[in-house]
Amino acid sequence: MTLVDLAAVAAALPGPWSSRVLGEVGDTQVKVLRMDGTGLPAESHPTAEALLVLDGRLELEVAGCLVPVPAGQLYVLPADTPHAVRAGSHGTLLIVERG
């Protein structure tokens, strides 16, 4: 893969919170998704996850605390950390996680 227009890829997704794998580096996937203002229930993953907000804002809840992640900021969730997305999260999110 060469150059990727992340905003165009996110805009073309079938719906909010559906992601598209852009590529893989070893066993790690790079994905993009579009947030639409709705929240998501708590979940956790067996591996760490990096969340980079390209535009908009991610309202992340980690261990009961609000962690606002504005555009241009990166948040790394440790493995097995319960987290939820609060309503108001919007924009484009790049996710790097083990596939």
Protein backbone atom coordinates (compact mmCIF):
# COMPACT_ATOMS: atom_id res chain seq x y z
CA MET A 1 0.00 0.00 0.00
CA THR A 2 1.25 3.47 -0.70
CA LEU A 3 -0.48 6.75 0.11
CA VAL A 4 -3.81 6.62 1.96
CA ASP A 5 -6.30 9.48 2.27
CA LEU A 6 -7.55 8.66 5.76
CA ALA A 7 -10.44 11.14 5.70
CA ALA A 8 -11.70 9.73 2.39
CA VAL A 9 -11.42 6.14 3.62
CA ALA A 10 -13.29 7.00 6.83
CA ALA A 11 -16.01 8.85 4.90
CA ALA A 12 -16.53 5.84 2.63
CA LEU A 13 -17.08 3.37 5.48
CA PRO A 14 -20.53 1.77 5.51
CA GLY A 15 -21.41 3.30 8.87
CA PRO A 16 -20.04 4.82 12.05
CA TRP A 17 -17.92 2.62 14.29
CA SER A 18 -17.21 0.19 11.45
CA SER A 19 -13.49 0.02 10.81
CA ARG A 20 -11.32 -0.78 7.84
CA VAL A 21 -7.92 -2.39 8.08
CA LEU A 22 -5.47 -0.24 6.12
CA GLY A 23 -2.48 -2.50 6.50
CA GLU A 24 -0.49 -4.77 8.75
CA VAL A 25 2.93 -4.45 10.31
CA GLY A 26 3.91 -7.88 11.55
CA ASP A 27 0.92 -9.05 13.56
CA THR A 28 -0.30 -5.50 14.19
CA GLN A 29 -3.19 -3.95 12.28
CA VAL A 30 -3.65 -0.28 11.41
CA LYS A 31 -7.35 0.59 11.14
CA VAL A 32 -9.43 3.69 10.58
CA LEU A 33 -12.99 4.37 11.69
CA ARG A 34 -15.48 7.20 11.87
CA MET A 35 -17.06 8.25 15.17
CA ASP A 36 -20.56 9.75 14.98
CA GLY A 37 -21.29 11.18 18.41
CA THR A 38 -22.80 8.05 19.91
CA GLY A 39 -21.15 6.15 22.72
CA LEU A 40 -20.10 2.51 22.96
CA PRO A 41 -20.34 0.18 25.97
CA ALA A 42 -17.31 -0.88 27.98
CA GLU A 43 -14.99 -3.50 26.55
CA SER A 44 -11.41 -4.67 26.96
CA HIS A 45 -8.86 -6.35 24.72
CA PRO A 46 -6.16 -8.92 25.54
CA THR A 47 -3.49 -6.71 23.93
CA ALA A 48 -2.64 -3.01 24.09
CA GLU A 49 -4.38 -0.62 21.71
CA ALA A 50 -3.21 2.79 20.44
CA LEU A 51 -5.92 5.34 19.61
CA LEU A 52 -4.95 8.38 17.52
CA VAL A 53 -7.62 11.03 16.94
CA LEU A 54 -7.08 12.51 13.49
CA ASP A 55 -9.94 15.00 13.67
CA GLY A 56 -12.77 15.57 16.12
CA ARG A 57 -12.60 14.29 19.68
CA LEU A 58 -12.71 10.95 21.50
CA GLU A 59 -14.43 10.97 24.90
CA LEU A 60 -12.87 7.87 26.43
CA GLU A 61 -13.79 6.46 29.84
CA VAL A 62 -11.03 4.45 31.50
CA ALA A 63 -11.45 3.00 35.00
CA GLY A 64 -14.45 5.28 35.57
CA CYS A 65 -12.52 8.44 34.65
CA LEU A 66 -13.13 10.61 31.60
CA VAL A 67 -10.09 10.89 29.33
CA PRO A 68 -10.76 13.45 26.59
CA VAL A 69 -8.55 12.82 23.56
CA PRO A 70 -8.59 15.78 21.15
CA ALA A 71 -7.43 15.82 17.54
CA GLY A 72 -3.72 15.22 17.17
CA GLN A 73 -3.45 13.31 20.46
CA LEU A 74 -2.66 9.63 21.02
CA TYR A 75 -3.88 7.46 23.88
CA VAL A 76 -2.41 4.00 24.50
CA LEU A 77 -4.64 1.60 26.39
CA PRO A 78 -2.79 -1.17 28.22
CA ALA A 79 -3.93 -4.76 27.64
CA ASP A 80 -7.04 -5.89 29.54
CA THR A 81 -8.05 -2.32 30.46
CA PRO A 82 -11.83 -1.84 30.50
CA HIS A 83 -12.80 1.25 28.53
CA ALA A 84 -15.93 2.80 27.04
CA VAL A 85 -16.59 5.56 24.55
CA ARG A 86 -18.87 8.29 25.81
CA ALA A 87 -21.45 10.09 23.72
CA GLY A 88 -20.03 13.16 22.01
CA SER A 89 -17.11 11.30 20.43
CA HIS A 90 -16.90 12.35 16.80
CA GLY A 91 -14.43 12.51 13.93
CA THR A 92 -11.84 10.12 12.55
CA LEU A 93 -9.93 7.63 14.68
CA LEU A 94 -6.85 5.61 13.76
CA ILE A 95 -6.41 2.40 15.76
CA VAL A 96 -3.24 0.33 16.01
CA GLU A 97 -3.71 -3.08 17.62
CA ARG A 98 -2.61 -6.65 17.39
CA GLY A 99 -4.73 -8.48 14.81
